[in-house]
mmCIF file of all heavy atoms, coordinates in Angstrom:
data_MODEL
# 
_entry.id   MODEL 
# 
loop_
_atom_site.group_PDB 
_atom_site.id 
_atom_site.type_symbol 
_atom_site.label_atom_id 
_atom_site.label_alt_id 
_atom_site.label_comp_id 
_atom_site.label_asym_id 
_atom_site.label_entity_id 
_atom_site.label_seq_id 
_atom_site.pdbx_PDB_ins_code 
_atom_site.Cartn_x 
_atom_site.Cartn_y 
_atom_site.Cartn_z 
_atom_site.occupancy 
_atom_site.B_iso_or_equiv 
_atom_site.pdbx_formal_charge 
_atom_site.auth_seq_id 
_atom_site.auth_comp_id 
_atom_site.auth_asym_id 
_atom_site.auth_atom_id 
_atom_site.pdbx_PDB_model_num 
ATOM 1   N N   . ALA A 1 1  ? -8.082  -1.976  -10.814 1.00 0.00 ? 1  ALA A N   1 
ATOM 2   C CA  . ALA A 1 1  ? -9.013  -1.086  -10.118 1.00 0.00 ? 1  ALA A CA  1 
ATOM 3   C C   . ALA A 1 1  ? -10.438 -1.306  -10.616 1.00 0.00 ? 1  ALA A C   1 
ATOM 4   O O   . ALA A 1 1  ? -11.380 -1.369  -9.817  1.00 0.00 ? 1  ALA A O   1 
ATOM 5   C CB  . ALA A 1 1  ? -8.600  0.370   -10.317 1.00 0.00 ? 1  ALA A CB  1 
ATOM 6   N N   . LEU A 1 2  ? -10.593 -1.453  -11.932 1.00 0.00 ? 2  LEU A N   1 
ATOM 7   C CA  . LEU A 1 2  ? -11.924 -1.703  -12.486 1.00 0.00 ? 2  LEU A CA  1 
ATOM 8   C C   . LEU A 1 2  ? -12.474 -3.039  -12.017 1.00 0.00 ? 2  LEU A C   1 
ATOM 9   O O   . LEU A 1 2  ? -13.663 -3.164  -11.720 1.00 0.00 ? 2  LEU A O   1 
ATOM 10  C CB  . LEU A 1 2  ? -11.884 -1.667  -14.022 1.00 0.00 ? 2  LEU A CB  1 
ATOM 11  C CG  . LEU A 1 2  ? -11.741 -0.286  -14.652 1.00 0.00 ? 2  LEU A CG  1 
ATOM 12  C CD1 . LEU A 1 2  ? -11.549 -0.415  -16.155 1.00 0.00 ? 2  LEU A CD1 1 
ATOM 13  C CD2 . LEU A 1 2  ? -12.942 0.584   -14.337 1.00 0.00 ? 2  LEU A CD2 1 
ATOM 14  N N   . ALA A 1 3  ? -11.608 -4.038  -11.948 1.00 0.00 ? 3  ALA A N   1 
ATOM 15  C CA  . ALA A 1 3  ? -12.048 -5.353  -11.470 1.00 0.00 ? 3  ALA A CA  1 
ATOM 16  C C   . ALA A 1 3  ? -12.522 -5.250  -10.025 1.00 0.00 ? 3  ALA A C   1 
ATOM 17  O O   . ALA A 1 3  ? -13.537 -5.845  -9.649  1.00 0.00 ? 3  ALA A O   1 
ATOM 18  C CB  . ALA A 1 3  ? -10.926 -6.372  -11.603 1.00 0.00 ? 3  ALA A CB  1 
ATOM 19  N N   . GLY A 1 4  ? -11.785 -4.492  -9.222  1.00 0.00 ? 4  GLY A N   1 
ATOM 20  C CA  . GLY A 1 4  ? -12.200 -4.292  -7.829  1.00 0.00 ? 4  GLY A CA  1 
ATOM 21  C C   . GLY A 1 4  ? -13.523 -3.564  -7.747  1.00 0.00 ? 4  GLY A C   1 
ATOM 22  O O   . GLY A 1 4  ? -14.405 -3.942  -6.961  1.00 0.00 ? 4  GLY A O   1 
ATOM 23  N N   . ASP A 1 5  ? -13.682 -2.523  -8.577  1.00 0.00 ? 5  ASP A N   1 
ATOM 24  C CA  . ASP A 1 5  ? -14.943 -1.783  -8.602  1.00 0.00 ? 5  ASP A CA  1 
ATOM 25  C C   . ASP A 1 5  ? -16.086 -2.684  -9.057  1.00 0.00 ? 5  ASP A C   1 
ATOM 26  O O   . ASP A 1 5  ? -17.186 -2.629  -8.517  1.00 0.00 ? 5  ASP A O   1 
ATOM 27  C CB  . ASP A 1 5  ? -14.842 -0.566  -9.536  1.00 0.00 ? 5  ASP A CB  1 
ATOM 28  C CG  . ASP A 1 5  ? -13.896 0.504   -9.012  1.00 0.00 ? 5  ASP A CG  1 
ATOM 29  O OD1 . ASP A 1 5  ? -13.515 0.440   -7.819  1.00 0.00 ? 5  ASP A OD1 1 
ATOM 30  O OD2 . ASP A 1 5  ? -13.530 1.403   -9.786  1.00 0.00 ? 5  ASP A OD2 1 
ATOM 31  N N   . SER A 1 6  ? -15.824 -3.521  -10.056 1.00 0.00 ? 6  SER A N   1 
ATOM 32  C CA  . SER A 1 6  ? -16.856 -4.426  -10.569 1.00 0.00 ? 6  SER A CA  1 
ATOM 33  C C   . SER A 1 6  ? -17.249 -5.438  -9.502  1.00 0.00 ? 6  SER A C   1 
ATOM 34  O O   . SER A 1 6  ? -18.429 -5.757  -9.342  1.00 0.00 ? 6  SER A O   1 
ATOM 35  C CB  . SER A 1 6  ? -16.357 -5.154  -11.821 1.00 0.00 ? 6  SER A CB  1 
ATOM 36  O OG  . SER A 1 6  ? -16.148 -4.231  -12.861 1.00 0.00 ? 6  SER A OG  1 
ATOM 37  N N   . ALA A 1 7  ? -16.287 -5.954  -8.786  1.00 0.00 ? 7  ALA A N   1 
ATOM 38  C CA  . ALA A 1 7  ? -16.579 -6.911  -7.721  1.00 0.00 ? 7  ALA A CA  1 
ATOM 39  C C   . ALA A 1 7  ? -17.424 -6.253  -6.636  1.00 0.00 ? 7  ALA A C   1 
ATOM 40  O O   . ALA A 1 7  ? -18.379 -6.852  -6.125  1.00 0.00 ? 7  ALA A O   1 
ATOM 41  C CB  . ALA A 1 7  ? -15.287 -7.471  -7.139  1.00 0.00 ? 7  ALA A CB  1 
ATOM 42  N N   . GLU A 1 8  ? -17.080 -5.024  -6.298  1.00 0.00 ? 8  GLU A N   1 
ATOM 43  C CA  . GLU A 1 8  ? -17.847 -4.281  -5.289  1.00 0.00 ? 8  GLU A CA  1 
ATOM 44  C C   . GLU A 1 8  ? -19.269 -4.037  -5.784  1.00 0.00 ? 8  GLU A C   1 
ATOM 45  O O   . GLU A 1 8  ? -20.233 -4.231  -5.040  1.00 0.00 ? 8  GLU A O   1 
ATOM 46  C CB  . GLU A 1 8  ? -17.163 -2.944  -4.993  1.00 0.00 ? 8  GLU A CB  1 
ATOM 47  C CG  . GLU A 1 8  ? -17.913 -2.051  -4.037  1.00 0.00 ? 8  GLU A CG  1 
ATOM 48  C CD  . GLU A 1 8  ? -17.867 -2.539  -2.601  1.00 0.00 ? 8  GLU A CD  1 
ATOM 49  O OE1 . GLU A 1 8  ? -16.979 -3.317  -2.248  1.00 0.00 ? 8  GLU A OE1 1 
ATOM 50  O OE2 . GLU A 1 8  ? -18.753 -2.129  -1.829  1.00 0.00 ? 8  GLU A OE2 1 
ATOM 51  N N   . ALA A 1 9  ? -19.408 -3.634  -7.040  1.00 0.00 ? 9  ALA A N   1 
ATOM 52  C CA  . ALA A 1 9  ? -20.739 -3.389  -7.599  1.00 0.00 ? 9  ALA A CA  1 
ATOM 53  C C   . ALA A 1 9  ? -21.552 -4.678  -7.639  1.00 0.00 ? 9  ALA A C   1 
ATOM 54  O O   . ALA A 1 9  ? -22.760 -4.670  -7.350  1.00 0.00 ? 9  ALA A O   1 
ATOM 55  C CB  . ALA A 1 9  ? -20.623 -2.795  -9.005  1.00 0.00 ? 9  ALA A CB  1 
ATOM 56  N N   . LEU A 1 10 ? -20.920 -5.782  -7.989  1.00 0.00 ? 10 LEU A N   1 
ATOM 57  C CA  . LEU A 1 10 ? -21.610 -7.068  -8.014  1.00 0.00 ? 10 LEU A CA  1 
ATOM 58  C C   . LEU A 1 10 ? -22.078 -7.466  -6.615  1.00 0.00 ? 10 LEU A C   1 
ATOM 59  O O   . LEU A 1 10 ? -23.213 -7.920  -6.435  1.00 0.00 ? 10 LEU A O   1 
ATOM 60  C CB  . LEU A 1 10 ? -20.694 -8.145  -8.595  1.00 0.00 ? 10 LEU A CB  1 
ATOM 61  C CG  . LEU A 1 10 ? -21.271 -9.551  -8.683  1.00 0.00 ? 10 LEU A CG  1 
ATOM 62  C CD1 . LEU A 1 10 ? -22.519 -9.577  -9.558  1.00 0.00 ? 10 LEU A CD1 1 
ATOM 63  C CD2 . LEU A 1 10 ? -20.225 -10.519 -9.212  1.00 0.00 ? 10 LEU A CD2 1 
ATOM 64  N N   . ALA A 1 11 ? -21.229 -7.266  -5.632  1.00 0.00 ? 11 ALA A N   1 
ATOM 65  C CA  . ALA A 1 11 ? -21.604 -7.594  -4.251  1.00 0.00 ? 11 ALA A CA  1 
ATOM 66  C C   . ALA A 1 11 ? -22.784 -6.733  -3.802  1.00 0.00 ? 11 ALA A C   1 
ATOM 67  O O   . ALA A 1 11 ? -23.719 -7.239  -3.160  1.00 0.00 ? 11 ALA A O   1 
ATOM 68  C CB  . ALA A 1 11 ? -20.410 -7.399  -3.320  1.00 0.00 ? 11 ALA A CB  1 
ATOM 69  N N   . GLN A 1 12 ? -22.762 -5.453  -4.153  1.00 0.00 ? 12 GLN A N   1 
ATOM 70  C CA  . GLN A 1 12 ? -23.873 -4.571  -3.786  1.00 0.00 ? 12 GLN A CA  1 
ATOM 71  C C   . GLN A 1 12 ? -25.158 -4.981  -4.498  1.00 0.00 ? 12 GLN A C   1 
ATOM 72  O O   . GLN A 1 12 ? -26.241 -4.958  -3.906  1.00 0.00 ? 12 GLN A O   1 
ATOM 73  C CB  . GLN A 1 12 ? -23.521 -3.119  -4.115  1.00 0.00 ? 12 GLN A CB  1 
ATOM 74  C CG  . GLN A 1 12 ? -22.464 -2.547  -3.213  1.00 0.00 ? 12 GLN A CG  1 
ATOM 75  C CD  . GLN A 1 12 ? -22.036 -1.145  -3.631  1.00 0.00 ? 12 GLN A CD  1 
ATOM 76  O OE1 . GLN A 1 12 ? -22.425 -0.644  -4.676  1.00 0.00 ? 12 GLN A OE1 1 
ATOM 77  N NE2 . GLN A 1 12 ? -21.205 -0.520  -2.813  1.00 0.00 ? 12 GLN A NE2 1 
ATOM 78  N N   . ALA A 1 13 ? -25.040 -5.362  -5.774  1.00 0.00 ? 13 ALA A N   1 
ATOM 79  C CA  . ALA A 1 13 ? -26.222 -5.788  -6.525  1.00 0.00 ? 13 ALA A CA  1 
ATOM 80  C C   . ALA A 1 13 ? -26.799 -7.069  -5.937  1.00 0.00 ? 13 ALA A C   1 
ATOM 81  O O   . ALA A 1 13 ? -28.025 -7.207  -5.816  1.00 0.00 ? 13 ALA A O   1 
ATOM 82  C CB  . ALA A 1 13 ? -25.869 -5.987  -7.998  1.00 0.00 ? 13 ALA A CB  1 
ATOM 83  N N   . ARG A 1 14 ? -25.932 -7.996  -5.561  1.00 0.00 ? 14 ARG A N   1 
ATOM 84  C CA  . ARG A 1 14 ? -26.408 -9.236  -4.933  1.00 0.00 ? 14 ARG A CA  1 
ATOM 85  C C   . ARG A 1 14 ? -27.119 -8.944  -3.621  1.00 0.00 ? 14 ARG A C   1 
ATOM 86  O O   . ARG A 1 14 ? -28.159 -9.533  -3.319  1.00 0.00 ? 14 ARG A O   1 
ATOM 87  C CB  . ARG A 1 14 ? -25.246 -10.182 -4.685  1.00 0.00 ? 14 ARG A CB  1 
ATOM 88  C CG  . ARG A 1 14 ? -24.768 -10.871 -5.935  1.00 0.00 ? 14 ARG A CG  1 
ATOM 89  C CD  . ARG A 1 14 ? -23.651 -11.828 -5.633  1.00 0.00 ? 14 ARG A CD  1 
ATOM 90  N NE  . ARG A 1 14 ? -23.247 -12.547 -6.832  1.00 0.00 ? 14 ARG A NE  1 
ATOM 91  C CZ  . ARG A 1 14 ? -22.119 -13.183 -6.960  1.00 0.00 ? 14 ARG A CZ  1 
ATOM 92  N NH1 . ARG A 1 14 ? -21.253 -13.219 -5.958  1.00 0.00 ? 14 ARG A NH1 1 
ATOM 93  N NH2 . ARG A 1 14 ? -21.828 -13.806 -8.079  1.00 0.00 ? 14 ARG A NH2 1 
ATOM 94  N N   . GLN A 1 15 ? -26.565 -8.035  -2.840  1.00 0.00 ? 15 GLN A N   1 
ATOM 95  C CA  . GLN A 1 15 ? -27.178 -7.667  -1.565  1.00 0.00 ? 15 GLN A CA  1 
ATOM 96  C C   . GLN A 1 15 ? -28.543 -7.027  -1.797  1.00 0.00 ? 15 GLN A C   1 
ATOM 97  O O   . GLN A 1 15 ? -29.512 -7.356  -1.117  1.00 0.00 ? 15 GLN A O   1 
ATOM 98  C CB  . GLN A 1 15 ? -26.270 -6.718  -0.781  1.00 0.00 ? 15 GLN A CB  1 
ATOM 99  C CG  . GLN A 1 15 ? -26.834 -6.278  0.551   1.00 0.00 ? 15 GLN A CG  1 
ATOM 100 C CD  . GLN A 1 15 ? -26.988 -7.418  1.527   1.00 0.00 ? 15 GLN A CD  1 
ATOM 101 O OE1 . GLN A 1 15 ? -26.218 -8.375  1.512   1.00 0.00 ? 15 GLN A OE1 1 
ATOM 102 N NE2 . GLN A 1 15 ? -27.984 -7.350  2.374   1.00 0.00 ? 15 GLN A NE2 1 
ATOM 103 N N   . ALA A 1 16 ? -28.623 -6.130  -2.772  1.00 0.00 ? 16 ALA A N   1 
ATOM 104 C CA  . ALA A 1 16 ? -29.899 -5.474  -3.081  1.00 0.00 ? 16 ALA A CA  1 
ATOM 105 C C   . ALA A 1 16 ? -30.929 -6.496  -3.547  1.00 0.00 ? 16 ALA A C   1 
ATOM 106 O O   . ALA A 1 16 ? -32.107 -6.431  -3.162  1.00 0.00 ? 16 ALA A O   1 
ATOM 107 C CB  . ALA A 1 16 ? -29.692 -4.397  -4.137  1.00 0.00 ? 16 ALA A CB  1 
ATOM 108 N N   . LEU A 1 17 ? -30.501 -7.443  -4.366  1.00 0.00 ? 17 LEU A N   1 
ATOM 109 C CA  . LEU A 1 17 ? -31.406 -8.489  -4.843  1.00 0.00 ? 17 LEU A CA  1 
ATOM 110 C C   . LEU A 1 17 ? -31.900 -9.351  -3.687  1.00 0.00 ? 17 LEU A C   1 
ATOM 111 O O   . LEU A 1 17 ? -33.101 -9.659  -3.600  1.00 0.00 ? 17 LEU A O   1 
ATOM 112 C CB  . LEU A 1 17 ? -30.705 -9.353  -5.891  1.00 0.00 ? 17 LEU A CB  1 
ATOM 113 C CG  . LEU A 1 17 ? -31.519 -10.500 -6.483  1.00 0.00 ? 17 LEU A CG  1 
ATOM 114 C CD1 . LEU A 1 17 ? -32.766 -9.979  -7.169  1.00 0.00 ? 17 LEU A CD1 1 
ATOM 115 C CD2 . LEU A 1 17 ? -30.658 -11.298 -7.435  1.00 0.00 ? 17 LEU A CD2 1 
ATOM 116 N N   . ALA A 1 18 ? -31.005 -9.723  -2.790  1.00 0.00 ? 18 ALA A N   1 
ATOM 117 C CA  . ALA A 1 18 ? -31.399 -10.535 -1.636  1.00 0.00 ? 18 ALA A CA  1 
ATOM 118 C C   . ALA A 1 18 ? -32.406 -9.776  -0.771  1.00 0.00 ? 18 ALA A C   1 
ATOM 119 O O   . ALA A 1 18 ? -33.392 -10.360 -0.303  1.00 0.00 ? 18 ALA A O   1 
ATOM 120 C CB  . ALA A 1 18 ? -30.169 -10.913 -0.815  1.00 0.00 ? 18 ALA A CB  1 
ATOM 121 N N   . GLU A 1 19 ? -32.178 -8.489  -0.579  1.00 0.00 ? 19 GLU A N   1 
ATOM 122 C CA  . GLU A 1 19 ? -33.105 -7.687  0.223   1.00 0.00 ? 19 GLU A CA  1 
ATOM 123 C C   . GLU A 1 19 ? -34.465 -7.587  -0.458  1.00 0.00 ? 19 GLU A C   1 
ATOM 124 O O   . GLU A 1 19 ? -35.513 -7.674  0.201   1.00 0.00 ? 19 GLU A O   1 
ATOM 125 C CB  . GLU A 1 19 ? -32.518 -6.298  0.474   1.00 0.00 ? 19 GLU A CB  1 
ATOM 126 C CG  . GLU A 1 19 ? -31.329 -6.317  1.411   1.00 0.00 ? 19 GLU A CG  1 
ATOM 127 C CD  . GLU A 1 19 ? -30.597 -4.983  1.474   1.00 0.00 ? 19 GLU A CD  1 
ATOM 128 O OE1 . GLU A 1 19 ? -30.980 -4.033  0.757   1.00 0.00 ? 19 GLU A OE1 1 
ATOM 129 O OE2 . GLU A 1 19 ? -29.616 -4.901  2.237   1.00 0.00 ? 19 GLU A OE2 1 
ATOM 130 N N   . GLU A 1 20 ? -34.470 -7.420  -1.776  1.00 0.00 ? 20 GLU A N   1 
ATOM 131 C CA  . GLU A 1 20 ? -35.729 -7.337  -2.515  1.00 0.00 ? 20 GLU A CA  1 
ATOM 132 C C   . GLU A 1 20 ? -36.482 -8.671  -2.450  1.00 0.00 ? 20 GLU A C   1 
ATOM 133 O O   . GLU A 1 20 ? -37.702 -8.690  -2.258  1.00 0.00 ? 20 GLU A O   1 
ATOM 134 C CB  . GLU A 1 20 ? -35.466 -6.957  -3.974  1.00 0.00 ? 20 GLU A CB  1 
ATOM 135 C CG  . GLU A 1 20 ? -36.722 -6.833  -4.816  1.00 0.00 ? 20 GLU A CG  1 
ATOM 136 C CD  . GLU A 1 20 ? -37.666 -5.745  -4.346  1.00 0.00 ? 20 GLU A CD  1 
ATOM 137 O OE1 . GLU A 1 20 ? -37.204 -4.740  -3.777  1.00 0.00 ? 20 GLU A OE1 1 
ATOM 138 O OE2 . GLU A 1 20 ? -38.882 -5.906  -4.548  1.00 0.00 ? 20 GLU A OE2 1 
ATOM 139 N N   . GLU A 1 21 ? -35.765 -9.770  -2.600  1.00 0.00 ? 21 GLU A N   1 
ATOM 140 C CA  . GLU A 1 21 ? -36.399 -11.089 -2.491  1.00 0.00 ? 21 GLU A CA  1 
ATOM 141 C C   . GLU A 1 21 ? -36.992 -11.289 -1.099  1.00 0.00 ? 21 GLU A C   1 
ATOM 142 O O   . GLU A 1 21 ? -38.093 -11.832 -0.953  1.00 0.00 ? 21 GLU A O   1 
ATOM 143 C CB  . GLU A 1 21 ? -35.392 -12.190 -2.800  1.00 0.00 ? 21 GLU A CB  1 
ATOM 144 C CG  . GLU A 1 21 ? -35.032 -12.293 -4.265  1.00 0.00 ? 21 GLU A CG  1 
ATOM 145 C CD  . GLU A 1 21 ? -33.957 -13.330 -4.540  1.00 0.00 ? 21 GLU A CD  1 
ATOM 146 O OE1 . GLU A 1 21 ? -33.270 -13.759 -3.589  1.00 0.00 ? 21 GLU A OE1 1 
ATOM 147 O OE2 . GLU A 1 21 ? -33.804 -13.695 -5.713  1.00 0.00 ? 21 GLU A OE2 1 
ATOM 148 N N   . GLU A 1 22 ? -36.265 -10.846 -0.081  1.00 0.00 ? 22 GLU A N   1 
ATOM 149 C CA  . GLU A 1 22 ? -36.758 -10.982 1.293   1.00 0.00 ? 22 GLU A CA  1 
ATOM 150 C C   . GLU A 1 22 ? -38.031 -10.168 1.489   1.00 0.00 ? 22 GLU A C   1 
ATOM 151 O O   . GLU A 1 22 ? -38.999 -10.649 2.091   1.00 0.00 ? 22 GLU A O   1 
ATOM 152 C CB  . GLU A 1 22 ? -35.677 -10.521 2.277   1.00 0.00 ? 22 GLU A CB  1 
ATOM 153 C CG  . GLU A 1 22 ? -36.019 -10.802 3.714   1.00 0.00 ? 22 GLU A CG  1 
ATOM 154 C CD  . GLU A 1 22 ? -34.898 -10.448 4.662   1.00 0.00 ? 22 GLU A CD  1 
ATOM 155 O OE1 . GLU A 1 22 ? -33.724 -10.651 4.295   1.00 0.00 ? 22 GLU A OE1 1 
ATOM 156 O OE2 . GLU A 1 22 ? -35.201 -9.981  5.761   1.00 0.00 ? 22 GLU A OE2 1 
ATOM 157 N N   . ARG A 1 23 ? -38.057 -8.945  0.948   1.00 0.00 ? 23 ARG A N   1 
ATOM 158 C CA  . ARG A 1 23 ? -39.265 -8.112  1.058   1.00 0.00 ? 23 ARG A CA  1 
ATOM 159 C C   . ARG A 1 23 ? -40.437 -8.757  0.311   1.00 0.00 ? 23 ARG A C   1 
ATOM 160 O O   . ARG A 1 23 ? -41.571 -8.780  0.815   1.00 0.00 ? 23 ARG A O   1 
ATOM 161 C CB  . ARG A 1 23 ? -39.005 -6.704  0.510   1.00 0.00 ? 23 ARG A CB  1 
ATOM 162 C CG  . ARG A 1 23 ? -38.204 -5.811  1.435   1.00 0.00 ? 23 ARG A CG  1 
ATOM 163 C CD  . ARG A 1 23 ? -38.201 -4.367  0.951   1.00 0.00 ? 23 ARG A CD  1 
ATOM 164 N NE  . ARG A 1 23 ? -37.540 -4.205  -0.330  1.00 0.00 ? 23 ARG A NE  1 
ATOM 165 C CZ  . ARG A 1 23 ? -36.239 -4.013  -0.499  1.00 0.00 ? 23 ARG A CZ  1 
ATOM 166 N NH1 . ARG A 1 23 ? -35.442 -3.956  0.544   1.00 0.00 ? 23 ARG A NH1 1 
ATOM 167 N NH2 . ARG A 1 23 ? -35.734 -3.859  -1.714  1.00 0.00 ? 23 ARG A NH2 1 
ATOM 168 N N   . THR A 1 24 ? -40.158 -9.298  -0.864  1.00 0.00 ? 24 THR A N   1 
ATOM 169 C CA  . THR A 1 24 ? -41.217 -9.948  -1.657  1.00 0.00 ? 24 THR A CA  1 
ATOM 170 C C   . THR A 1 24 ? -41.778 -11.154 -0.920  1.00 0.00 ? 24 THR A C   1 
ATOM 171 O O   . THR A 1 24 ? -43.003 -11.336 -0.843  1.00 0.00 ? 24 THR A O   1 
ATOM 172 C CB  . THR A 1 24 ? -40.667 -10.368 -3.039  1.00 0.00 ? 24 THR A CB  1 
ATOM 173 O OG1 . THR A 1 24 ? -40.196 -9.211  -3.715  1.00 0.00 ? 24 THR A OG1 1 
ATOM 174 C CG2 . THR A 1 24 ? -41.723 -11.053 -3.873  1.00 0.00 ? 24 THR A CG2 1 
ATOM 175 N N   . LEU A 1 25 ? -40.882 -11.974 -0.370  1.00 0.00 ? 25 LEU A N   1 
ATOM 176 C CA  . LEU A 1 25 ? -41.339 -13.144 0.381   1.00 0.00 ? 25 LEU A CA  1 
ATOM 177 C C   . LEU A 1 25 ? -42.121 -12.744 1.629   1.00 0.00 ? 25 LEU A C   1 
ATOM 178 O O   . LEU A 1 25 ? -43.126 -13.379 1.967   1.00 0.00 ? 25 LEU A O   1 
ATOM 179 C CB  . LEU A 1 25 ? -40.149 -14.033 0.750   1.00 0.00 ? 25 LEU A CB  1 
ATOM 180 C CG  . LEU A 1 25 ? -39.500 -14.765 -0.424  1.00 0.00 ? 25 LEU A CG  1 
ATOM 181 C CD1 . LEU A 1 25 ? -38.240 -15.487 0.049   1.00 0.00 ? 25 LEU A CD1 1 
ATOM 182 C CD2 . LEU A 1 25 ? -40.474 -15.740 -1.061  1.00 0.00 ? 25 LEU A CD2 1 
ATOM 183 N N   . ALA A 1 26 ? -41.689 -11.702 2.302   1.00 0.00 ? 26 ALA A N   1 
ATOM 184 C CA  . ALA A 1 26 ? -42.399 -11.239 3.496   1.00 0.00 ? 26 ALA A CA  1 
ATOM 185 C C   . ALA A 1 26 ? -43.798 -10.751 3.121   1.00 0.00 ? 26 ALA A C   1 
ATOM 186 O O   . ALA A 1 26 ? -44.773 -11.015 3.844   1.00 0.00 ? 26 ALA A O   1 
ATOM 187 C CB  . ALA A 1 26 ? -41.612 -10.125 4.182   1.00 0.00 ? 26 ALA A CB  1 
ATOM 188 N N   . THR A 1 27 ? -43.917 -10.066 1.982   1.00 0.00 ? 27 THR A N   1 
ATOM 189 C CA  . THR A 1 27 ? -45.227 -9.596  1.524   1.00 0.00 ? 27 THR A CA  1 
ATOM 190 C C   . THR A 1 27 ? -46.133 -10.774 1.186   1.00 0.00 ? 27 THR A C   1 
ATOM 191 O O   . THR A 1 27 ? -47.311 -10.801 1.576   1.00 0.00 ? 27 THR A O   1 
ATOM 192 C CB  . THR A 1 27 ? -45.058 -8.696  0.281   1.00 0.00 ? 27 THR A CB  1 
ATOM 193 O OG1 . THR A 1 27 ? -44.234 -7.576  0.633   1.00 0.00 ? 27 THR A OG1 1 
ATOM 194 C CG2 . THR A 1 27 ? -46.386 -8.197  -0.235  1.00 0.00 ? 27 THR A CG2 1 
# 
């Protein structure tokens, strides 16, 4: 269960990072 939660958290963090990079590049 923890591994699943960690994988989900990692996926969310990657998505947030990609969105932040996209905003930075757009700026």
